[in-house]
Protein backbone atom coordinates (compact mmCIF):
# COMPACT_ATOMS: atom_id res chain seq x y z
CA ASN A 1 -20.59 10.48 11.57
CA ARG A 2 -22.36 13.11 9.27
CA PRO A 3 -22.69 11.82 5.52
CA LYS A 4 -19.94 12.89 3.54
CA ALA A 5 -22.36 15.51 1.57
CA ASN A 6 -23.01 17.33 4.95
CA ARG A 7 -19.97 16.52 7.24
CA LEU A 8 -19.64 20.25 8.38
CA SER A 9 -22.39 22.08 10.03
CA ARG A 10 -23.31 25.45 9.62
CA GLU A 11 -21.13 26.46 12.04
CA GLU A 12 -18.15 25.29 11.14
CA GLN A 13 -18.70 26.14 7.54
CA GLU A 14 -19.00 29.89 9.29
CA ILE A 15 -15.67 29.52 10.91
CA LEU A 16 -13.80 28.95 7.63
CA SER A 17 -15.51 31.39 5.69
CA ARG A 18 -14.09 33.81 8.47
CA ILE A 19 -10.93 32.58 8.43
CA ILE A 20 -10.38 32.96 4.46
CA SER A 21 -12.05 36.53 4.78
CA LEU A 22 -9.16 36.87 7.22
CA GLN A 23 -6.69 35.77 4.73
CA GLN A 24 -8.30 37.75 2.47
CA THR A 25 -8.14 41.34 4.49
CA ASP A 26 -4.56 40.96 5.87
CA GLY A 27 -6.32 40.32 8.93
CA ALA A 28 -8.70 43.63 9.08
CA SER A 29 -12.32 41.71 8.51
CA GLU A 30 -13.54 38.22 9.38
CA GLY A 31 -16.57 39.36 7.63
CA ALA A 32 -15.90 40.07 4.18
CA GLU A 33 -17.38 38.85 1.50
CA ILE A 34 -15.14 36.25 -0.47
CA ASP A 35 -13.85 37.28 -3.76
CA LYS A 36 -13.42 34.28 -5.89
CA ASP A 37 -10.61 36.22 -7.79
CA PHE A 38 -8.69 36.40 -4.33
CA LEU A 39 -9.07 32.68 -4.15
CA LEU A 40 -7.51 31.93 -7.78
CA GLU A 41 -4.38 34.10 -7.25
CA ASP A 42 -1.27 32.23 -7.14
CA GLY A 43 -0.56 30.33 -3.98
CA ASN A 44 -4.13 30.64 -2.62
CA TYR A 45 -5.05 27.26 -3.91
CA ASP A 46 -5.32 25.53 -0.25
CA LEU A 47 -7.96 28.60 0.57
CA PHE A 48 -9.71 27.89 -3.15
CA PHE A 49 -10.24 24.26 -2.06
CA LEU A 50 -10.83 24.83 1.36
CA HIS A 51 -14.06 27.17 0.61
CA TYR A 52 -15.76 25.01 -2.62
CA PHE A 53 -14.76 21.74 -1.24
CA PRO A 54 -14.88 21.23 2.41
CA ASN A 55 -16.23 18.14 2.28
CA GLU A 56 -13.40 16.29 0.27
CA ILE A 57 -10.61 18.74 1.96
CA GLN A 58 -11.34 19.61 5.65
CA ALA A 59 -7.83 20.30 6.59
CA PHE A 60 -4.65 20.64 5.10
CA GLU A 61 -1.65 18.35 6.05
CA PRO A 62 1.72 19.02 4.75
CA MET A 63 1.11 15.89 1.54
CA ASN A 64 -1.30 18.10 0.24
CA TYR A 65 0.79 20.79 0.25
CA ARG A 66 3.17 18.91 -1.25
CA LEU A 67 1.46 17.43 -4.10
CA PHE A 68 -0.41 20.85 -4.65
CA ASP A 69 2.99 22.86 -4.88
CA PHE A 70 4.45 20.01 -7.18
CA LEU A 71 0.97 20.02 -9.47
CA GLU A 72 1.07 23.90 -9.79
CA ASN A 73 4.99 24.60 -10.83
CA GLU A 74 6.60 21.33 -12.28
CA ARG A 75 6.06 20.85 -16.25
CA GLN A 76 6.93 17.08 -16.41
CA GLY A 77 6.80 14.63 -13.02
CA LEU A 78 6.90 11.54 -11.77
CA ILE A 79 4.66 11.06 -8.06
CA TRP A 80 4.62 8.70 -6.01
CA CYS A 81 2.11 8.38 -3.28
CA PRO A 82 0.96 6.37 -0.37
CA GLY A 83 -2.56 3.84 -1.40
CA GLY A 84 -5.59 5.10 0.10
CA TRP A 85 -4.07 8.55 0.48
CA GLY A 86 -6.90 10.62 -1.71
CA LYS A 87 -4.52 11.26 -4.25
CA SER A 88 -7.17 11.00 -7.20
CA THR A 89 -9.29 13.08 -5.58
CA SER A 90 -6.96 15.49 -4.99
CA LEU A 91 -6.10 15.13 -8.75
CA ARG A 92 -9.78 16.08 -9.91
CA ILE A 93 -9.97 18.99 -7.73
CA TRP A 94 -7.34 20.17 -8.87
CA SER A 95 -8.55 19.94 -12.46
CA VAL A 96 -11.50 21.81 -11.13
CA TYR A 97 -8.92 24.56 -10.18
CA ALA A 98 -7.07 24.71 -13.50
CA LEU A 99 -10.50 25.31 -15.44
CA CYS A 100 -11.78 28.01 -13.36
CA ARG A 101 -8.22 29.78 -13.33
CA ASP A 102 -7.74 29.48 -17.23
CA PRO A 103 -11.22 27.72 -18.87
CA GLN A 104 -9.45 27.62 -22.41
CA VAL A 105 -7.46 25.06 -20.62
CA SER A 106 -7.45 21.35 -21.97
CA ILE A 107 -6.91 18.33 -19.51
CA ILE A 108 -6.64 14.37 -20.43
CA TYR A 109 -7.52 12.10 -17.40
CA CYS A 110 -5.92 8.77 -17.82
CA GLU A 111 -6.96 6.09 -15.30
CA LYS A 112 -6.02 2.57 -14.88
CA SER A 113 -9.12 0.74 -16.48
CA GLU A 114 -12.18 2.27 -18.87
CA PRO A 115 -14.42 1.70 -16.26
CA ALA A 116 -12.07 3.73 -13.71
CA ALA A 117 -12.18 6.54 -16.62
CA THR A 118 -15.67 6.36 -16.20
CA ALA A 119 -16.16 6.79 -12.32
CA CYS A 120 -13.67 9.66 -12.67
CA ALA A 121 -15.62 11.21 -15.67
CA ARG A 122 -19.22 10.73 -13.59
CA SER A 123 -16.90 12.34 -10.12
CA LEU A 124 -15.84 15.24 -12.04
CA MET A 125 -19.21 15.98 -13.84
CA ASP A 126 -21.05 15.41 -10.37
CA VAL A 127 -18.94 18.46 -9.09
CA LEU A 128 -19.34 20.67 -11.93
CA GLU A 129 -23.04 20.40 -12.03
CA PHE A 130 -24.03 20.06 -8.39
CA ASN A 131 -21.29 22.21 -6.18
CA GLU A 132 -23.34 25.36 -5.35
CA GLU A 133 -20.87 27.29 -3.96
CA LEU A 134 -18.44 27.15 -7.64
CA ILE A 135 -21.78 27.43 -9.77
CA HIS A 136 -22.56 30.31 -7.42
CA ASP A 137 -19.22 32.25 -8.44
CA PHE A 138 -18.40 30.95 -11.81
CA GLY A 139 -21.57 30.42 -13.18
CA PRO A 140 -23.04 27.07 -14.88
CA PHE A 141 -20.45 24.71 -16.50
CA LYS A 142 -22.33 22.19 -18.52
CA SER A 143 -22.39 22.95 -21.86
CA ARG A 144 -24.35 20.65 -25.04
CA TRP A 145 -20.81 18.96 -25.28
CA TRP A 146 -21.56 16.48 -21.83
CA SER A 147 -20.33 13.09 -21.47
CA ALA A 148 -18.32 10.49 -19.51
CA ASP A 149 -15.98 10.32 -22.49
CA ALA A 150 -15.06 14.01 -22.59
CA LEU A 151 -16.77 17.61 -21.44
CA VAL A 152 -16.54 20.92 -22.53
CA ILE A 153 -17.35 23.62 -19.91
CA LYS A 154 -19.95 26.40 -20.57
CA GLN A 155 -17.39 28.91 -19.61
CA ARG A 156 -14.85 27.89 -22.21
CA PRO A 157 -13.76 31.29 -24.28
CA LYS A 158 -13.09 29.65 -27.44
CA ILE A 159 -14.13 26.70 -29.14
CA ILE A 160 -11.29 24.06 -30.39
CA LYS A 161 -11.25 20.30 -31.04
CA PRO A 162 -9.72 19.53 -27.84
CA PRO A 163 -12.60 19.20 -24.87
CA SER A 164 -11.83 21.03 -21.57
CA VAL A 165 -11.34 17.60 -19.85
CA ALA A 166 -11.08 14.07 -21.89
CA PHE A 167 -11.23 10.87 -20.18
CA PHE A 168 -9.49 7.44 -21.02
CA GLY A 169 -8.31 4.07 -19.47
CA ALA A 170 -5.26 3.20 -19.73
CA GLN A 171 -3.50 2.11 -23.24
CA SER A 172 -6.57 3.08 -24.98
CA LYS A 173 -5.86 3.33 -28.28
CA ALA A 174 -7.71 6.59 -28.50
CA THR A 175 -5.27 8.90 -26.73
CA LEU A 176 -2.83 8.59 -29.81
CA GLY A 177 -2.46 11.69 -31.47
CA SER A 178 -5.31 13.12 -28.97
CA ARG A 179 -3.75 16.85 -27.88
CA CYS A 180 -4.01 18.79 -24.36
CA ASN A 181 -2.41 21.48 -22.17
CA ILE A 182 -2.24 18.97 -19.38
CA MET A 183 -1.53 15.28 -19.09
CA ILE A 184 -2.21 13.19 -15.94
CA VAL A 185 -2.25 9.52 -16.11
CA ASP A 186 -3.45 8.09 -12.70
CA ASP A 187 -2.48 4.26 -11.74
CA PRO A 188 -1.59 3.12 -14.72
CA VAL A 189 0.29 0.18 -12.93
CA THR A 190 -1.61 -2.79 -11.28
CA ALA A 191 -0.86 -6.36 -9.94
CA ASP A 192 -1.74 -7.55 -13.17
CA ASN A 193 -0.01 -5.43 -15.87
CA SER A 194 3.27 -5.48 -13.56
CA THR A 195 4.41 -8.65 -12.77
CA SER A 196 4.13 -9.85 -16.09
CA GLU A 197 7.45 -8.73 -18.61
CA LEU A 198 4.85 -8.51 -21.88
CA GLU A 199 2.39 -6.38 -20.08
CA ARG A 200 5.33 -4.24 -18.57
CA ILE A 201 6.37 -3.48 -22.05
CA ARG A 202 3.09 -3.38 -23.78
CA LEU A 203 2.20 -0.47 -21.09
CA TRP A 204 5.58 1.00 -21.58
CA ASP A 205 4.91 1.67 -25.54
CA TRP A 206 1.78 2.80 -24.77
CA TYR A 207 2.69 5.27 -22.18
CA SER A 208 6.02 6.26 -24.31
CA GLN A 209 4.05 6.33 -27.97
CA ALA A 210 0.93 7.75 -27.03
CA ALA A 211 0.27 9.10 -23.69
CA ALA A 212 3.22 11.38 -23.51
CA THR A 213 3.25 12.59 -26.86
CA CYS A 214 -0.38 14.70 -25.82
CA PRO A 215 0.78 17.37 -24.02
CA SER A 216 0.78 20.29 -26.25
CA PRO A 217 0.96 24.19 -26.09
CA LEU A 218 -2.35 24.89 -26.83
CA PRO A 219 -2.78 28.44 -26.55
CA LEU A 220 -3.86 29.53 -23.07
CA THR A 221 -4.27 33.01 -21.26
CA ASN A 222 -2.43 31.59 -17.73
CA GLU A 223 0.67 30.03 -19.18
CA ARG A 224 1.38 28.29 -16.19
CA TYR A 225 -0.83 25.06 -17.70
CA LEU A 226 0.24 25.67 -20.96
CA LYS A 227 1.83 22.14 -21.21
CA LYS A 228 1.95 19.75 -18.18
CA LEU A 229 2.96 16.23 -17.63
CA PHE A 230 2.26 13.83 -14.67
CA LEU A 231 2.50 10.20 -13.95
CA VAL A 232 1.25 9.19 -10.80
CA GLY A 233 0.62 6.36 -8.78
CA THR A 234 1.76 3.75 -6.21
CA THR A 235 4.89 1.35 -7.30
CA PHE A 236 4.47 -2.67 -7.52
CA HIS A 237 7.83 -3.71 -9.22
CA MET A 238 11.35 -2.70 -9.81
CA ALA A 239 10.85 -2.62 -13.37
CA ASP A 240 7.50 -1.09 -13.97
CA LEU A 241 6.48 1.65 -15.65
CA TYR A 242 7.29 4.20 -12.69
CA HIS A 243 10.59 2.99 -12.54
CA GLU A 244 11.17 3.10 -16.21
CA VAL A 245 9.96 6.43 -16.25
CA LEU A 246 12.12 7.47 -13.56
CA LYS A 247 15.48 5.76 -14.94
CA THR A 248 15.08 8.58 -18.44
CA GLY A 249 16.39 11.37 -15.92
CA MET A 250 13.66 13.58 -17.74
CA TYR A 251 11.11 13.85 -14.99
CA LYS A 252 10.73 15.72 -11.63
CA HIS A 253 10.31 12.98 -9.04
CA LEU A 254 7.64 13.60 -5.97
CA TRP A 255 7.85 10.50 -3.71
CA MET A 256 5.87 10.44 -0.59
CA GLN A 257 5.53 8.12 2.07
CA ALA A 258 3.15 7.14 4.60
CA VAL A 259 5.47 7.25 7.66
CA ASP A 260 8.80 7.54 8.46
CA MET A 261 10.26 4.20 9.60
CA LYS A 262 12.94 5.73 11.80
CA THR A 263 10.50 7.83 13.95
CA GLY A 264 7.21 6.19 13.51
CA ILE A 265 5.74 9.57 12.86
CA CYS A 266 2.85 9.17 10.16
CA HIS A 267 2.97 12.13 7.28
CA SER A 268 -0.76 12.04 7.18
CA PRO A 269 -3.36 12.11 9.89
CA ARG A 270 -5.16 9.33 7.60
CA PHE A 271 -2.95 6.89 9.10
CA THR A 272 -1.18 5.63 12.53
CA TRP A 273 2.05 3.18 12.93
CA ARG A 274 0.73 2.25 15.95
CA THR A 275 -1.50 -1.36 16.28
CA THR A 276 -4.77 -1.72 17.40
CA GLU A 277 -3.05 -4.13 20.42
CA GLN A 278 -0.50 -1.52 20.92
CA LEU A 279 -3.26 1.66 21.00
CA LYS A 280 -5.35 -0.53 23.62
CA LYS A 281 -2.89 -0.20 26.11
CA ASP A 282 -2.14 3.44 25.27
CA ALA A 283 -5.86 4.43 25.65
CA GLU A 284 -6.36 3.54 29.17
CA GLY A 285 -4.13 6.35 30.22
CA SER A 286 -4.72 8.74 27.44
CA GLU A 287 -8.39 10.12 26.01
CA ALA A 288 -6.24 11.07 22.91
CA ASP A 289 -4.86 7.76 22.31
CA ALA A 290 -8.87 6.49 23.23
CA GLU A 291 -9.99 8.61 20.19
CA LEU A 292 -7.64 7.29 17.92
CA LEU A 293 -8.15 3.86 18.69
CA ARG A 294 -11.81 4.66 18.11
CA ARG A 295 -11.21 6.32 14.70
CA VAL A 296 -9.01 3.07 13.47
CA VAL A 297 -12.02 0.84 14.56
CA ASP A 298 -14.19 2.32 12.82
CA GLY A 299 -12.19 2.64 9.43
CA LYS A 300 -11.56 6.16 9.72
CA VAL A 301 -7.80 6.04 10.57
CA LEU A 302 -5.74 3.05 9.14
CA SER A 303 -3.28 1.08 11.19
CA LEU A 304 -0.25 0.80 9.02
CA GLY A 305 1.23 -1.42 12.20
CA ASP A 306 -1.28 -4.02 11.56
CA TYR A 307 -1.47 -3.98 7.76
CA ARG A 308 2.67 -4.86 8.28
CA LYS A 309 1.42 -7.28 10.64
CA ALA A 310 -1.35 -8.63 8.62
CA HIS A 311 0.00 -8.43 4.90
CA GLY A 312 4.17 -8.90 5.56
CA THR A 313 6.78 -6.25 5.23
CA LYS A 314 6.76 -6.59 1.57
CA ALA A 315 3.47 -5.83 0.55
CA PHE A 316 3.57 -2.83 3.37
CA MET A 317 6.79 -1.34 2.18
CA ARG A 318 4.95 -1.33 -1.45
CA ARG A 319 1.56 0.06 -0.86
CA TYR A 320 2.70 2.61 1.91
CA GLN A 321 6.44 3.49 1.10
CA ASN A 322 6.70 3.16 -2.58
CA GLU A 323 9.22 0.90 -1.92
CA VAL A 324 10.03 -2.36 -3.70
CA ARG A 325 12.70 -4.98 -3.62
CA ASP A 326 13.76 -7.62 -6.37
CA ASP A 327 12.65 -10.98 -5.35
CA SER A 328 15.77 -13.08 -7.17
CA THR A 329 18.22 -10.86 -5.02
CA ALA A 330 16.24 -11.29 -1.91
CA LYS A 331 18.06 -12.94 1.39
CA PHE A 332 17.10 -14.17 4.43
CA PRO A 333 17.71 -10.93 7.00
CA SER A 334 19.94 -11.74 9.73
CA LEU A 335 18.87 -8.86 11.93
CA TRP A 336 15.55 -10.63 12.17
CA PHE A 337 17.53 -13.10 14.90
CA ARG A 338 20.26 -10.71 15.61
CA GLY A 339 18.37 -7.53 16.14
CA GLY A 340 19.16 -4.23 14.73
CA ASP A 341 18.06 -1.67 12.29
CA ASP A 342 17.75 -1.49 8.38
CA ASP A 343 16.34 0.94 5.57
CA TRP A 344 13.01 -1.56 6.30
CA ALA A 345 13.05 -2.04 10.38
CA PRO A 346 9.62 -0.83 12.09
CA PRO A 347 10.80 2.11 14.23
CA GLY A 348 13.10 0.86 16.87
CA GLY A 349 14.38 -1.82 14.58
CA TYR A 350 14.24 -5.31 14.92
CA PRO A 351 14.35 -6.38 18.25
CA GLY A 352 15.75 -9.93 17.45
CA CYS A 353 15.59 -13.19 19.19
CA LEU A 354 19.22 -14.07 20.44
CA GLU A 355 20.76 -13.56 24.10
CA ASP A 356 21.52 -9.98 24.14
CA GLY A 357 21.74 -9.61 28.21
CA ASP A 358 18.15 -7.45 28.16
CA HIS A 359 15.52 -8.64 25.55
CA HIS A 360 15.90 -12.29 25.51
CA PRO A 361 18.39 -13.74 28.04
CA PHE A 362 19.37 -17.69 28.03
CA ARG A 363 18.98 -17.64 24.12
CA SER A 364 22.25 -18.58 21.91
CA LEU A 365 23.05 -19.36 18.12
CA GLY A 366 22.74 -22.90 17.87
CA GLU A 367 21.30 -23.74 21.39
CA ARG A 368 19.59 -26.52 21.46
CA PRO A 369 15.63 -25.96 22.91
CA ASP A 370 13.69 -28.31 24.54
CA THR A 371 11.58 -29.73 22.20
CA LYS A 372 9.56 -31.06 23.81
CA SER A 373 7.54 -27.39 23.95
CA LEU A 374 9.02 -26.03 20.86
CA THR A 375 6.56 -25.77 17.55
CA ALA A 376 9.03 -25.87 14.46
CA VAL A 377 8.19 -25.34 11.11
CA THR A 378 10.57 -26.18 7.74
CA GLY A 379 10.09 -24.57 4.55
CA VAL A 380 12.07 -25.86 1.33
CA ASP A 381 12.08 -23.65 -1.74
CA PRO A 382 13.29 -26.38 -4.48
CA ALA A 383 15.05 -23.25 -6.65
CA ALA A 384 16.47 -20.23 -4.41
CA GLY A 385 15.47 -17.53 -7.12
CA THR A 386 14.52 -17.37 -10.72
CA LYS A 387 18.10 -16.09 -12.15
CA GLY A 388 21.47 -15.81 -11.09
CA GLN A 389 24.17 -18.06 -9.39
CA TYR A 390 21.38 -19.20 -6.94
CA THR A 391 18.83 -20.56 -9.18
CA VAL A 392 20.02 -24.07 -8.98
CA ARG A 393 20.04 -24.28 -4.85
CA PHE A 394 17.67 -25.12 -2.86
CA ALA A 395 16.82 -23.05 0.29
CA CYS A 396 15.80 -24.64 3.70
CA VAL A 397 14.60 -22.64 6.68
CA THR A 398 13.48 -23.87 10.11
CA LEU A 399 11.70 -21.88 12.37
CA GLY A 400 10.87 -22.83 15.70
């Protein structure tokens, strides 16, 4: 429970330094002074982040490697990440990494709104002004051009018009005509601008006519960062900006999900598939499960099973799996009754509620139950769907 600024003890930091020294010397020494040039070599970004940002990234997981490999090696990419995973923090510290590798680089960072862009700027400025290890190795970053709108790092060898980092909110008119080497558009799609067709069109027009035109091959020493464009976020709608960009076929696509729905294995230690109720049962015979339960209760680990039960399958699949479906074509899943498996089923499939000789004996389709002990709920939709052949038909469902 140490505060975030000091989550690693002195002993833990020393262990981390020894590990990096061993990597640097090919196992010859664990006490060698860490060389910043070694940390800046291709492929050593994990050591860079663990050395300079131990409190932001304490351990590298497969999703970290997938994201940073993509940012480092692709020129134009669409990235779908599960909500609450920490992608925005990862994007910001990768920006610092790029600035350290080539101080001449120009970056534009677009957030979902102007307030979010300002918060992002403050966070990055805080890192560059107060990260003591970073400043010790690379020198002070703060120059006289330093604000929440744009900043220029002191290490920049040539002063040019585009700043080291500029910050904008999505749909900002100021992005039109701006130039940079790296354009990061983070979370431009929201619930508000994805449900309205007019808002979706406006966002597409801004992105295609302004944001996507910003990357330009401004001269750099490290050509890895010469020209890059990344659109990053979590999906909301079948016709949102992310899906429209995907349809162009011009972007490499990185699709990351929180959990493997077939096995229940989560792709990040930030998540667990098991519900709190299941963990309480498992914790009785396992100290590891008891510790996991404590972390879920403390809010350090998210139970995806709890989220799915509380918010529904549709909300869960959209936020944590980046899968959305068209409401106008949705049908009532017969598997909910009959049992079985599909793309959206929980691990192990739907149990069903009809007779199968094992789980639910003595129940069959069309059976008339004892109504005295039955609570029945009927729902009526006067128009099933918003378009298509079913628009004029009503839907009636009774559950009991």
